[in-house]
PDB file of N, CA and C in Angstrom:
ATOM      1  N   UNK A   1      -9.351  -7.624 -32.140  1.00  0.00           N
ATOM      2  CA  UNK A   1      -9.030  -7.742 -30.733  1.00  0.00           C
ATOM      3  C   UNK A   1      -7.807  -6.873 -30.450  1.00  0.00           C
ATOM      4  N   UNK A   2      -7.930  -5.968 -29.501  1.00  0.00           N
ATOM      5  CA  UNK A   2      -6.863  -5.038 -29.205  1.00  0.00           C
ATOM      6  C   UNK A   2      -5.872  -5.556 -28.182  1.00  0.00           C
ATOM      7  N   UNK A   3      -4.895  -4.738 -27.943  1.00  0.00           N
ATOM      8  CA  UNK A   3      -3.822  -5.072 -27.004  1.00  0.00           C
ATOM      9  C   UNK A   3      -4.377  -5.361 -25.607  1.00  0.00           C
ATOM     10  N   UNK A   4      -5.295  -4.521 -25.139  1.00  0.00           N
ATOM     11  CA  UNK A   4      -5.856  -4.723 -23.802  1.00  0.00           C
ATOM     12  C   UNK A   4      -6.653  -6.018 -23.711  1.00  0.00           C
ATOM     13  N   UNK A   5      -7.342  -6.381 -24.786  1.00  0.00           N
ATOM     14  CA  UNK A   5      -8.104  -7.628 -24.781  1.00  0.00           C
ATOM     15  C   UNK A   5      -7.193  -8.843 -24.666  1.00  0.00           C
ATOM     16  N   UNK A   6      -6.004  -8.768 -25.257  1.00  0.00           N
ATOM     17  CA  UNK A   6      -5.047  -9.864 -25.151  1.00  0.00           C
ATOM     18  C   UNK A   6      -4.365  -9.887 -23.796  1.00  0.00           C
ATOM     19  N   UNK A   7      -4.229  -8.742 -23.192  1.00  0.00           N
ATOM     20  CA  UNK A   7      -3.474  -8.605 -21.941  1.00  0.00           C
ATOM     21  C   UNK A   7      -4.308  -8.883 -20.691  1.00  0.00           C
ATOM     22  N   UNK A   8      -5.576  -8.489 -20.727  1.00  0.00           N
ATOM     23  CA  UNK A   8      -6.433  -8.589 -19.545  1.00  0.00           C
ATOM     24  C   UNK A   8      -7.743  -9.277 -19.882  1.00  0.00           C
ATOM     25  N   UNK A   9      -8.311  -9.937 -18.866  1.00  0.00           N
ATOM     26  CA  UNK A   9      -9.636 -10.525 -19.032  1.00  0.00           C
ATOM     27  C   UNK A   9     -10.679  -9.455 -18.774  1.00  0.00           C
ATOM     28  N   UNK A  10     -11.824  -9.620 -19.397  1.00  0.00           N
ATOM     29  CA  UNK A  10     -12.935  -8.702 -19.149  1.00  0.00           C
ATOM     30  C   UNK A  10     -13.432  -8.908 -17.727  1.00  0.00           C
ATOM     31  N   UNK A  11     -13.912  -7.843 -17.135  1.00  0.00           N
ATOM     32  CA  UNK A  11     -14.407  -7.893 -15.762  1.00  0.00           C
ATOM     33  C   UNK A  11     -15.680  -8.732 -15.699  1.00  0.00           C
ATOM     34  N   UNK A  12     -15.728  -9.597 -14.712  1.00  0.00           N
ATOM     35  CA  UNK A  12     -16.891 -10.454 -14.508  1.00  0.00           C
ATOM     36  C   UNK A  12     -17.444 -10.179 -13.105  1.00  0.00           C
ATOM     37  N   UNK A  13     -18.732 -10.302 -12.977  1.00  0.00           N
ATOM     38  CA  UNK A  13     -19.350 -10.076 -11.677  1.00  0.00           C
ATOM     39  C   UNK A  13     -18.844 -11.125 -10.691  1.00  0.00           C
ATOM     40  N   UNK A  14     -18.525 -10.678  -9.475  1.00  0.00           N
ATOM     41  CA  UNK A  14     -18.021 -11.576  -8.428  1.00  0.00           C
ATOM     42  C   UNK A  14     -18.940 -11.514  -7.225  1.00  0.00           C
ATOM     43  N   UNK A  15     -19.031 -12.631  -6.545  1.00  0.00           N
ATOM     44  CA  UNK A  15     -19.830 -12.722  -5.328  1.00  0.00           C
ATOM     45  C   UNK A  15     -18.924 -13.086  -4.165  1.00  0.00           C
ATOM     46  N   UNK A  16     -19.288 -12.574  -3.033  1.00  0.00           N
ATOM     47  CA  UNK A  16     -18.525 -12.821  -1.819  1.00  0.00           C
ATOM     48  C   UNK A  16     -18.939 -14.177  -1.239  1.00  0.00           C
ATOM     49  N   UNK A  17     -17.945 -15.046  -0.999  1.00  0.00           N
ATOM     50  CA  UNK A  17     -18.217 -16.372  -0.449  1.00  0.00           C
ATOM     51  C   UNK A  17     -17.209 -16.684   0.660  1.00  0.00           C
ATOM     52  N   UNK A  18     -17.675 -17.390   1.672  1.00  0.00           N
ATOM     53  CA  UNK A  18     -16.816 -17.859   2.762  1.00  0.00           C
ATOM     54  C   UNK A  18     -16.546 -19.338   2.563  1.00  0.00           C
ATOM     55  N   UNK A  19     -15.277 -19.711   2.615  1.00  0.00           N
ATOM     56  CA  UNK A  19     -14.895 -21.109   2.478  1.00  0.00           C
ATOM     57  C   UNK A  19     -13.914 -21.473   3.585  1.00  0.00           C
ATOM     58  N   UNK A  20     -14.029 -22.699   4.075  1.00  0.00           N
ATOM     59  CA  UNK A  20     -13.075 -23.237   5.045  1.00  0.00           C
ATOM     60  C   UNK A  20     -11.933 -23.855   4.244  1.00  0.00           C
ATOM     61  N   UNK A  21     -10.752 -23.266   4.375  1.00  0.00           N
ATOM     62  CA  UNK A  21      -9.577 -23.697   3.621  1.00  0.00           C
ATOM     63  C   UNK A  21      -8.581 -24.329   4.587  1.00  0.00           C
ATOM     64  N   UNK A  22      -7.999 -25.439   4.196  1.00  0.00           N
ATOM     65  CA  UNK A  22      -6.979 -26.075   5.029  1.00  0.00           C
ATOM     66  C   UNK A  22      -5.818 -25.113   5.247  1.00  0.00           C
ATOM     67  N   UNK A  23      -5.318 -25.064   6.481  1.00  0.00           N
ATOM     68  CA  UNK A  23      -4.218 -24.154   6.840  1.00  0.00           C
ATOM     69  C   UNK A  23      -3.043 -24.254   5.881  1.00  0.00           C
ATOM     70  N   UNK A  24      -2.635 -25.467   5.601  1.00  0.00           N
ATOM     71  CA  UNK A  24      -1.462 -25.696   4.749  1.00  0.00           C
ATOM     72  C   UNK A  24      -1.679 -25.117   3.350  1.00  0.00           C
ATOM     73  N   UNK A  25      -2.867 -25.312   2.811  1.00  0.00           N
ATOM     74  CA  UNK A  25      -3.168 -24.800   1.474  1.00  0.00           C
ATOM     75  C   UNK A  25      -3.239 -23.274   1.467  1.00  0.00           C
ATOM     76  N   UNK A  26      -3.839 -22.712   2.501  1.00  0.00           N
ATOM     77  CA  UNK A  26      -3.930 -21.251   2.587  1.00  0.00           C
ATOM     78  C   UNK A  26      -2.541 -20.633   2.675  1.00  0.00           C
ATOM     79  N   UNK A  27      -1.661 -21.237   3.446  1.00  0.00           N
ATOM     80  CA  UNK A  27      -0.300 -20.708   3.567  1.00  0.00           C
ATOM     81  C   UNK A  27       0.435 -20.767   2.236  1.00  0.00           C
ATOM     82  N   UNK A  28       0.215 -21.814   1.478  1.00  0.00           N
ATOM     83  CA  UNK A  28       0.853 -21.913   0.151  1.00  0.00           C
ATOM     84  C   UNK A  28       0.325 -20.833  -0.793  1.00  0.00           C
ATOM     85  N   UNK A  29      -0.974 -20.544  -0.706  1.00  0.00           N
ATOM     86  CA  UNK A  29      -1.533 -19.458  -1.519  1.00  0.00           C
ATOM     87  C   UNK A  29      -0.916 -18.123  -1.131  1.00  0.00           C
ATOM     88  N   UNK A  30      -0.787 -17.886   0.146  1.00  0.00           N
ATOM     89  CA  UNK A  30      -0.183 -16.637   0.616  1.00  0.00           C
ATOM     90  C   UNK A  30       1.262 -16.540   0.137  1.00  0.00           C
ATOM     91  N   UNK A  31       1.985 -17.652   0.159  1.00  0.00           N
ATOM     92  CA  UNK A  31       3.365 -17.657  -0.349  1.00  0.00           C
ATOM     93  C   UNK A  31       3.409 -17.294  -1.831  1.00  0.00           C
ATOM     94  N   UNK A  32       2.432 -17.779  -2.603  1.00  0.00           N
ATOM     95  CA  UNK A  32       2.397 -17.470  -4.034  1.00  0.00           C
ATOM     96  C   UNK A  32       2.136 -15.992  -4.304  1.00  0.00           C
ATOM     97  N   UNK A  33       1.446 -15.307  -3.385  1.00  0.00           N
ATOM     98  CA  UNK A  33       1.191 -13.875  -3.585  1.00  0.00           C
ATOM     99  C   UNK A  33       2.465 -13.052  -3.473  1.00  0.00           C
ATOM    100  N   UNK A  34       3.499 -13.616  -2.848  1.00  0.00           N
ATOM    101  CA  UNK A  34       4.772 -12.889  -2.784  1.00  0.00           C
ATOM    102  C   UNK A  34       5.595 -13.115  -4.049  1.00  0.00           C
ATOM    103  N   UNK A  35       5.224 -14.110  -4.840  1.00  0.00           N
ATOM    104  CA  UNK A  35       5.931 -14.401  -6.091  1.00  0.00           C
ATOM    105  C   UNK A  35       5.249 -13.721  -7.274  1.00  0.00           C
ATOM    106  N   UNK A  36       3.917 -13.761  -7.289  1.00  0.00           N
ATOM    107  CA  UNK A  36       3.137 -13.219  -8.394  1.00  0.00           C
ATOM    108  C   UNK A  36       2.360 -11.990  -7.945  1.00  0.00           C
ATOM    109  N   UNK A  37       2.074 -11.101  -8.868  1.00  0.00           N
ATOM    110  CA  UNK A  37       1.236  -9.933  -8.587  1.00  0.00           C
ATOM    111  C   UNK A  37      -0.212 -10.364  -8.673  1.00  0.00           C
ATOM    112  N   UNK A  38      -0.679 -10.971  -7.600  1.00  0.00           N
ATOM    113  CA  UNK A  38      -2.016 -11.543  -7.578  1.00  0.00           C
ATOM    114  C   UNK A  38      -2.475 -11.624  -6.127  1.00  0.00           C
ATOM    115  N   UNK A  39      -3.787 -11.530  -5.937  1.00  0.00           N
ATOM    116  CA  UNK A  39      -4.339 -11.663  -4.587  1.00  0.00           C
ATOM    117  C   UNK A  39      -4.705 -13.122  -4.330  1.00  0.00           C
ATOM    118  N   UNK A  40      -4.970 -13.447  -3.087  1.00  0.00           N
ATOM    119  CA  UNK A  40      -5.381 -14.802  -2.737  1.00  0.00           C
ATOM    120  C   UNK A  40      -6.709 -15.130  -3.423  1.00  0.00           C
ATOM    121  N   UNK A  41      -7.634 -14.173  -3.468  1.00  0.00           N
ATOM    122  CA  UNK A  41      -8.919 -14.402  -4.145  1.00  0.00           C
ATOM    123  C   UNK A  41      -8.727 -14.712  -5.624  1.00  0.00           C
ATOM    124  N   UNK A  42      -7.805 -14.015  -6.268  1.00  0.00           N
ATOM    125  CA  UNK A  42      -7.548 -14.268  -7.691  1.00  0.00           C
ATOM    126  C   UNK A  42      -6.950 -15.659  -7.890  1.00  0.00           C
ATOM    127  N   UNK A  43      -6.079 -16.081  -6.971  1.00  0.00           N
ATOM    128  CA  UNK A  43      -5.516 -17.424  -7.059  1.00  0.00           C
ATOM    129  C   UNK A  43      -6.602 -18.488  -6.881  1.00  0.00           C
ATOM    130  N   UNK A  44      -7.514 -18.259  -5.959  1.00  0.00           N
ATOM    131  CA  UNK A  44      -8.612 -19.200  -5.741  1.00  0.00           C
ATOM    132  C   UNK A  44      -9.479 -19.272  -7.000  1.00  0.00           C
ATOM    133  N   UNK A  45      -9.746 -18.137  -7.634  1.00  0.00           N
ATOM    134  CA  UNK A  45     -10.522 -18.135  -8.877  1.00  0.00           C
ATOM    135  C   UNK A  45      -9.815 -18.907  -9.979  1.00  0.00           C
ATOM    136  N   UNK A  46      -8.521 -18.733 -10.097  1.00  0.00           N
ATOM    137  CA  UNK A  46      -7.751 -19.468 -11.105  1.00  0.00           C
ATOM    138  C   UNK A  46      -7.815 -20.963 -10.817  1.00  0.00           C
ATOM    139  N   UNK A  47      -7.692 -21.323  -9.537  1.00  0.00           N
ATOM    140  CA  UNK A  47      -7.740 -22.736  -9.157  1.00  0.00           C
ATOM    141  C   UNK A  47      -9.098 -23.347  -9.491  1.00  0.00           C
ATOM    142  N   UNK A  48     -10.164 -22.620  -9.191  1.00  0.00           N
ATOM    143  CA  UNK A  48     -11.508 -23.132  -9.473  1.00  0.00           C
ATOM    144  C   UNK A  48     -11.731 -23.231 -10.984  1.00  0.00           C
ATOM    145  N   UNK A  49     -11.306 -22.230 -11.727  1.00  0.00           N
ATOM    146  CA  UNK A  49     -11.441 -22.263 -13.189  1.00  0.00           C
ATOM    147  C   UNK A  49     -10.746 -23.489 -13.754  1.00  0.00           C
ATOM    148  N   UNK A  50      -9.548 -23.749 -13.269  1.00  0.00           N
ATOM    149  CA  UNK A  50      -8.770 -24.901 -13.740  1.00  0.00           C
ATOM    150  C   UNK A  50      -9.484 -26.207 -13.400  1.00  0.00           C
ATOM    151  N   UNK A  51     -10.043 -26.291 -12.192  1.00  0.00           N
ATOM    152  CA  UNK A  51     -10.751 -27.504 -11.785  1.00  0.00           C
ATOM    153  C   UNK A  51     -11.989 -27.722 -12.646  1.00  0.00           C
ATOM    154  N   UNK A  52     -12.721 -26.668 -12.927  1.00  0.00           N
ATOM    155  CA  UNK A  52     -13.921 -26.780 -13.752  1.00  0.00           C
ATOM    156  C   UNK A  52     -13.548 -27.232 -15.166  1.00  0.00           C
ATOM    157  N   UNK A  53     -12.445 -26.720 -15.693  1.00  0.00           N
ATOM    158  CA  UNK A  53     -12.014 -27.087 -17.046  1.00  0.00           C
ATOM    159  C   UNK A  53     -11.538 -28.536 -17.115  1.00  0.00           C
ATOM    160  N   UNK A  54     -10.725 -28.950 -16.145  1.00  0.00           N
ATOM    161  CA  UNK A  54     -10.095 -30.273 -16.206  1.00  0.00           C
ATOM    162  C   UNK A  54     -10.925 -31.371 -15.555  1.00  0.00           C
ATOM    163  N   UNK A  55     -11.791 -30.991 -14.627  1.00  0.00           N
ATOM    164  CA  UNK A  55     -12.572 -31.945 -13.828  1.00  0.00           C
ATOM    165  C   UNK A  55     -11.668 -32.970 -13.155  1.00  0.00           C
ATOM    166  N   UNK A  56     -10.473 -32.548 -12.766  1.00  0.00           N
ATOM    167  CA  UNK A  56      -9.520 -33.409 -12.067  1.00  0.00           C
ATOM    168  C   UNK A  56      -9.861 -33.387 -10.575  1.00  0.00           C
ATOM    169  N   UNK A  57     -10.900 -34.120 -10.219  1.00  0.00           N
ATOM    170  CA  UNK A  57     -11.374 -34.162  -8.841  1.00  0.00           C
ATOM    171  C   UNK A  57     -10.886 -35.456  -8.212  1.00  0.00           C
ATOM    172  N   UNK A  58      -9.902 -35.335  -7.338  1.00  0.00           N
ATOM    173  CA  UNK A  58      -9.398 -36.508  -6.629  1.00  0.00           C
ATOM    174  C   UNK A  58      -9.283 -36.156  -5.149  1.00  0.00           C
ATOM    175  N   UNK A  59      -9.838 -37.033  -4.333  1.00  0.00           N
ATOM    176  CA  UNK A  59      -9.815 -36.809  -2.895  1.00  0.00           C
ATOM    177  C   UNK A  59      -8.395 -36.970  -2.367  1.00  0.00           C
ATOM    178  N   UNK A  60      -8.108 -36.282  -1.293  1.00  0.00           N
ATOM    179  CA  UNK A  60      -6.805 -36.396  -0.659  1.00  0.00           C
ATOM    180  C   UNK A  60      -6.999 -36.522   0.838  1.00  0.00           C
ATOM    181  N   UNK A  61      -6.012 -37.103   1.485  1.00  0.00           N
ATOM    182  CA  UNK A  61      -6.091 -37.322   2.928  1.00  0.00           C
ATOM    183  C   UNK A  61      -5.524 -36.112   3.640  1.00  0.00           C
ATOM    184  N   UNK A  62      -6.336 -35.570   4.534  1.00  0.00           N
ATOM    185  CA  UNK A  62      -5.929 -34.446   5.365  1.00  0.00           C
ATOM    186  C   UNK A  62      -5.250 -34.952   6.606  1.00  0.00           C
ATOM    187  N   UNK A  63      -4.278 -34.221   7.107  1.00  0.00           N
ATOM    188  CA  UNK A  63      -3.646 -34.556   8.372  1.00  0.00           C
ATOM    189  C   UNK A  63      -4.667 -34.406   9.491  1.00  0.00           C
ATOM    190  N   UNK A  64      -4.625 -35.299  10.464  1.00  0.00           N
ATOM    191  CA  UNK A  64      -5.583 -35.252  11.558  1.00  0.00           C
ATOM    192  C   UNK A  64      -5.471 -33.967  12.374  1.00  0.00           C
ATOM    193  N   UNK A  65      -4.281 -33.412  12.439  1.00  0.00           N
ATOM    194  CA  UNK A  65      -4.044 -32.236  13.268  1.00  0.00           C
ATOM    195  C   UNK A  65      -4.172 -30.930  12.502  1.00  0.00           C
ATOM    196  N   UNK A  66      -4.536 -31.015  11.261  1.00  0.00           N
ATOM    197  CA  UNK A  66      -4.647 -29.811  10.438  1.00  0.00           C
ATOM    198  C   UNK A  66      -5.985 -29.123  10.658  1.00  0.00           C
ATOM    199  N   UNK A  67      -5.919 -27.827  10.792  1.00  0.00           N
ATOM    200  CA  UNK A  67      -7.125 -27.029  10.990  1.00  0.00           C
ATOM    201  C   UNK A  67      -7.527 -26.369   9.686  1.00  0.00           C
ATOM    202  N   UNK A  68      -8.763 -25.932   9.658  1.00  0.00           N
ATOM    203  CA  UNK A  68      -9.251 -25.153   8.528  1.00  0.00           C
ATOM    204  C   UNK A  68      -9.524 -23.737   8.995  1.00  0.00           C
ATOM    205  N   UNK A  69      -9.315 -22.798   8.101  1.00  0.00           N
ATOM    206  CA  UNK A  69      -9.545 -21.393   8.386  1.00  0.00           C
ATOM    207  C   UNK A  69     -10.648 -20.908   7.463  1.00  0.00           C
ATOM    208  N   UNK A  70     -11.616 -20.217   8.014  1.00  0.00           N
ATOM    209  CA  UNK A  70     -12.687 -19.669   7.181  1.00  0.00           C
ATOM    210  C   UNK A  70     -12.242 -18.316   6.665  1.00  0.00           C
ATOM    211  N   UNK A  71     -12.210 -18.191   5.345  1.00  0.00           N
ATOM    212  CA  UNK A  71     -11.796 -16.952   4.698  1.00  0.00           C
ATOM    213  C   UNK A  71     -12.866 -16.529   3.707  1.00  0.00           C
ATOM    214  N   UNK A  72     -12.920 -15.229   3.471  1.00  0.00           N
ATOM    215  CA  UNK A  72     -13.849 -14.670   2.503  1.00  0.00           C
ATOM    216  C   UNK A  72     -13.112 -14.409   1.193  1.00  0.00           C
ATOM    217  N   UNK A  73     -13.703 -14.860   0.097  1.00  0.00           N
ATOM    218  CA  UNK A  73     -13.129 -14.661  -1.230  1.00  0.00           C
ATOM    219  C   UNK A  73     -14.186 -14.066  -2.139  1.00  0.00           C
ATOM    220  N   UNK A  74     -13.740 -13.355  -3.164  1.00  0.00           N
ATOM    221  CA  UNK A  74     -14.625 -12.854  -4.205  1.00  0.00           C
ATOM    222  C   UNK A  74     -14.499 -13.804  -5.390  1.00  0.00           C
ATOM    223  N   UNK A  75     -15.566 -14.582  -5.626  1.00  0.00           N
ATOM    224  CA  UNK A  75     -15.531 -15.645  -6.622  1.00  0.00           C
ATOM    225  C   UNK A  75     -16.367 -15.238  -7.833  1.00  0.00           C
ATOM    226  N   UNK A  76     -15.821 -15.458  -9.022  1.00  0.00           N
ATOM    227  CA  UNK A  76     -16.523 -15.143 -10.272  1.00  0.00           C
ATOM    228  C   UNK A  76     -17.785 -15.986 -10.395  1.00  0.00           C
ATOM    229  N   UNK A  77     -18.819 -15.372 -10.964  1.00  0.00           N
ATOM    230  CA  UNK A  77     -20.105 -16.057 -11.132  1.00  0.00           C
ATOM    231  C   UNK A  77     -19.960 -17.335 -11.966  1.00  0.00           C
ATOM    232  N   UNK A  78     -19.114 -17.303 -12.985  1.00  0.00           N
ATOM    233  CA  UNK A  78     -18.933 -18.498 -13.813  1.00  0.00           C
ATOM    234  C   UNK A  78     -18.310 -19.632 -13.001  1.00  0.00           C
ATOM    235  N   UNK A  79     -17.424 -19.295 -12.072  1.00  0.00           N
ATOM    236  CA  UNK A  79     -16.826 -20.318 -11.219  1.00  0.00           C
ATOM    237  C   UNK A  79     -17.841 -20.896 -10.240  1.00  0.00           C
ATOM    238  N   UNK A  80     -18.734 -20.050  -9.749  1.00  0.00           N
ATOM    239  CA  UNK A  80     -19.773 -20.535  -8.837  1.00  0.00           C
ATOM    240  C   UNK A  80     -20.689 -21.530  -9.537  1.00  0.00           C
ATOM    241  N   UNK A  81     -21.058 -21.217 -10.772  1.00  0.00           N
ATOM    242  CA  UNK A  81     -21.923 -22.150 -11.512  1.00  0.00           C
ATOM    243  C   UNK A  81     -21.148 -23.420 -11.872  1.00  0.00           C
ATOM    244  N   UNK A  82     -19.869 -23.284 -12.182  1.00  0.00           N
ATOM    245  CA  UNK A  82     -19.035 -24.461 -12.464  1.00  0.00           C
ATOM    246  C   UNK A  82     -18.900 -25.367 -11.252  1.00  0.00           C
ATOM    247  N   UNK A  83     -18.776 -24.769 -10.063  1.00  0.00           N
ATOM    248  CA  UNK A  83     -18.705 -25.562  -8.844  1.00  0.00           C
ATOM    249  C   UNK A  83     -20.012 -26.313  -8.596  1.00  0.00           C
ATOM    250  N   UNK A  84     -21.125 -25.677  -8.910  1.00  0.00           N
ATOM    251  CA  UNK A  84     -22.427 -26.344  -8.745  1.00  0.00           C
ATOM    252  C   UNK A  84     -22.530 -27.561  -9.663  1.00  0.00           C
ATOM    253  N   UNK A  85     -22.036 -27.428 -10.887  1.00  0.00           N
ATOM    254  CA  UNK A  85     -22.057 -28.558 -11.827  1.00  0.00           C
ATOM    255  C   UNK A  85     -21.196 -29.698 -11.284  1.00  0.00           C
ATOM    256  N   UNK A  86     -19.993 -29.364 -10.788  1.00  0.00           N
ATOM    257  CA  UNK A  86     -19.112 -30.389 -10.239  1.00  0.00           C
ATOM    258  C   UNK A  86     -19.714 -31.024  -8.980  1.00  0.00           C
ATOM    259  N   UNK A  87     -20.375 -30.230  -8.164  1.00  0.00           N
ATOM    260  CA  UNK A  87     -21.021 -30.753  -6.954  1.00  0.00           C
ATOM    261  C   UNK A  87     -22.067 -31.791  -7.326  1.00  0.00           C
ATOM    262  N   UNK A  88     -22.849 -31.477  -8.340  1.00  0.00           N
ATOM    263  CA  UNK A  88     -23.874 -32.423  -8.795  1.00  0.00           C
ATOM    264  C   UNK A  88     -23.257 -33.672  -9.412  1.00  0.00           C
ATOM    265  N   UNK A  89     -22.201 -33.485 -10.163  1.00  0.00           N
ATOM    266  CA  UNK A  89     -21.581 -34.593 -10.875  1.00  0.00           C
ATOM    267  C   UNK A  89     -20.841 -35.552  -9.943  1.00  0.00           C
ATOM    268  N   UNK A  90     -20.095 -35.002  -8.966  1.00  0.00           N
ATOM    269  CA  UNK A  90     -19.250 -35.836  -8.111  1.00  0.00           C
ATOM    270  C   UNK A  90     -19.827 -36.061  -6.712  1.00  0.00           C
ATOM    271  N   UNK A  91     -20.858 -35.321  -6.345  1.00  0.00           N
ATOM    272  CA  UNK A  91     -21.476 -35.502  -5.030  1.00  0.00           C
ATOM    273  C   UNK A  91     -20.623 -35.028  -3.871  1.00  0.00           C
ATOM    274  N   UNK A  92     -19.748 -34.068  -4.114  1.00  0.00           N
ATOM    275  CA  UNK A  92     -18.890 -33.515  -3.067  1.00  0.00           C
ATOM    276  C   UNK A  92     -19.368 -32.126  -2.690  1.00  0.00           C
ATOM    277  N   UNK A  93     -19.038 -31.703  -1.481  1.00  0.00           N
ATOM    278  CA  UNK A  93     -19.430 -30.367  -1.041  1.00  0.00           C
ATOM    279  C   UNK A  93     -18.611 -29.304  -1.765  1.00  0.00           C
ATOM    280  N   UNK A  94     -19.150 -28.114  -1.809  1.00  0.00           N
ATOM    281  CA  UNK A  94     -18.444 -26.984  -2.433  1.00  0.00           C
ATOM    282  C   UNK A  94     -17.131 -26.722  -1.704  1.00  0.00           C
ATOM    283  N   UNK A  95     -17.162 -26.792  -0.361  1.00  0.00           N
ATOM    284  CA  UNK A  95     -15.944 -26.562   0.419  1.00  0.00           C
ATOM    285  C   UNK A  95     -14.850 -27.549   0.020  1.00  0.00           C
ATOM    286  N   UNK A  96     -15.211 -28.804  -0.139  1.00  0.00           N
ATOM    287  CA  UNK A  96     -14.236 -29.820  -0.513  1.00  0.00           C
ATOM    288  C   UNK A  96     -13.720 -29.571  -1.930  1.00  0.00           C
ATOM    289  N   UNK A  97     -14.603 -29.188  -2.837  1.00  0.00           N
ATOM    290  CA  UNK A  97     -14.182 -28.910  -4.214  1.00  0.00           C
ATOM    291  C   UNK A  97     -13.210 -27.736  -4.270  1.00  0.00           C
ATOM    292  N   UNK A  98     -13.456 -26.709  -3.474  1.00  0.00           N
ATOM    293  CA  UNK A  98     -12.562 -25.547  -3.458  1.00  0.00           C
ATOM    294  C   UNK A  98     -11.190 -25.961  -2.931  1.00  0.00           C
ATOM    295  N   UNK A  99     -11.151 -26.766  -1.872  1.00  0.00           N
ATOM    296  CA  UNK A  99      -9.874 -27.236  -1.344  1.00  0.00           C
ATOM    297  C   UNK A  99      -9.141 -28.117  -2.348  1.00  0.00           C
ATOM    298  N   UNK A 100      -9.872 -28.957  -3.066  1.00  0.00           N
ATOM    299  CA  UNK A 100      -9.259 -29.797  -4.101  1.00  0.00           C
ATOM    300  C   UNK A 100      -8.689 -28.919  -5.215  1.00  0.00           C
ATOM    301  N   UNK A 101      -9.431 -27.893  -5.601  1.00  0.00           N
ATOM    302  CA  UNK A 101      -8.958 -26.983  -6.648  1.00  0.00           C
ATOM    303  C   UNK A 101      -7.660 -26.299  -6.228  1.00  0.00           C
ATOM    304  N   UNK A 102      -7.613 -25.832  -4.988  1.00  0.00           N
ATOM    305  CA  UNK A 102      -6.413 -25.158  -4.488  1.00  0.00           C
ATOM    306  C   UNK A 102      -5.253 -26.137  -4.421  1.00  0.00           C
ATOM    307  N   UNK A 103      -5.511 -27.336  -3.917  1.00  0.00           N
ATOM    308  CA  UNK A 103      -4.448 -28.342  -3.838  1.00  0.00           C
ATOM    309  C   UNK A 103      -3.897 -28.662  -5.226  1.00  0.00           C
ATOM    310  N   UNK A 104      -4.782 -28.816  -6.214  1.00  0.00           N
ATOM    311  CA  UNK A 104      -4.330 -29.096  -7.582  1.00  0.00           C
ATOM    312  C   UNK A 104      -3.436 -27.977  -8.098  1.00  0.00           C
ATOM    313  N   UNK A 105      -3.833 -26.722  -7.846  1.00  0.00           N
ATOM    314  CA  UNK A 105      -3.055 -25.579  -8.307  1.00  0.00           C
ATOM    315  C   UNK A 105      -1.681 -25.534  -7.645  1.00  0.00           C
ATOM    316  N   UNK A 106      -1.661 -25.753  -6.349  1.00  0.00           N
ATOM    317  CA  UNK A 106      -0.396 -25.709  -5.598  1.00  0.00           C
ATOM    318  C   UNK A 106       0.519 -26.837  -6.035  1.00  0.00           C
ATOM    319  N   UNK A 107      -0.034 -28.036  -6.200  1.00  0.00           N
ATOM    320  CA  UNK A 107       0.794 -29.166  -6.639  1.00  0.00           C
ATOM    321  C   UNK A 107       1.320 -28.968  -8.050  1.00  0.00           C
ATOM    322  N   UNK A 108       0.520 -28.345  -8.904  1.00  0.00           N
ATOM    323  CA  UNK A 108       0.961 -28.081 -10.273  1.00  0.00           C
ATOM    324  C   UNK A 108       2.133 -27.085 -10.275  1.00  0.00           C
ATOM    325  N   UNK A 109       2.121 -26.158  -9.332  1.00  0.00           N
ATOM    326  CA  UNK A 109       3.184 -25.161  -9.238  1.00  0.00           C
ATOM    327  C   UNK A 109       4.487 -25.768  -8.739  1.00  0.00           C
ATOM    328  N   UNK A 110       4.381 -26.765  -7.869  1.00  0.00           N
ATOM    329  CA  UNK A 110       5.600 -27.358  -7.270  1.00  0.00           C
ATOM    330  C   UNK A 110       6.337 -28.249  -8.182  1.00  0.00           C
TER     331      UNK A 110
END
């Protein structure tokens, strides 16, 4: 295994997906892009990967006045299949699972 293999992940096919993300969570992701050299899509992929690995799916209460924003992300194929497994296992929508994944990532950072 060479230096590049240790430093970078191999490229994986990504698909374009639209998800409704809570405003508060999206703003936290945008804030993280100013700290790390990473895009919002890459952060969402990391969040989903972490959720698939840990299966830490816990519902949270949204503020009544909070809006959701529909954004387009490039999601890795492995994450899409992982979300399908979690959807079947927990009976939650993909949109909800993505928001839970982002919330878990943001809370872990804080």
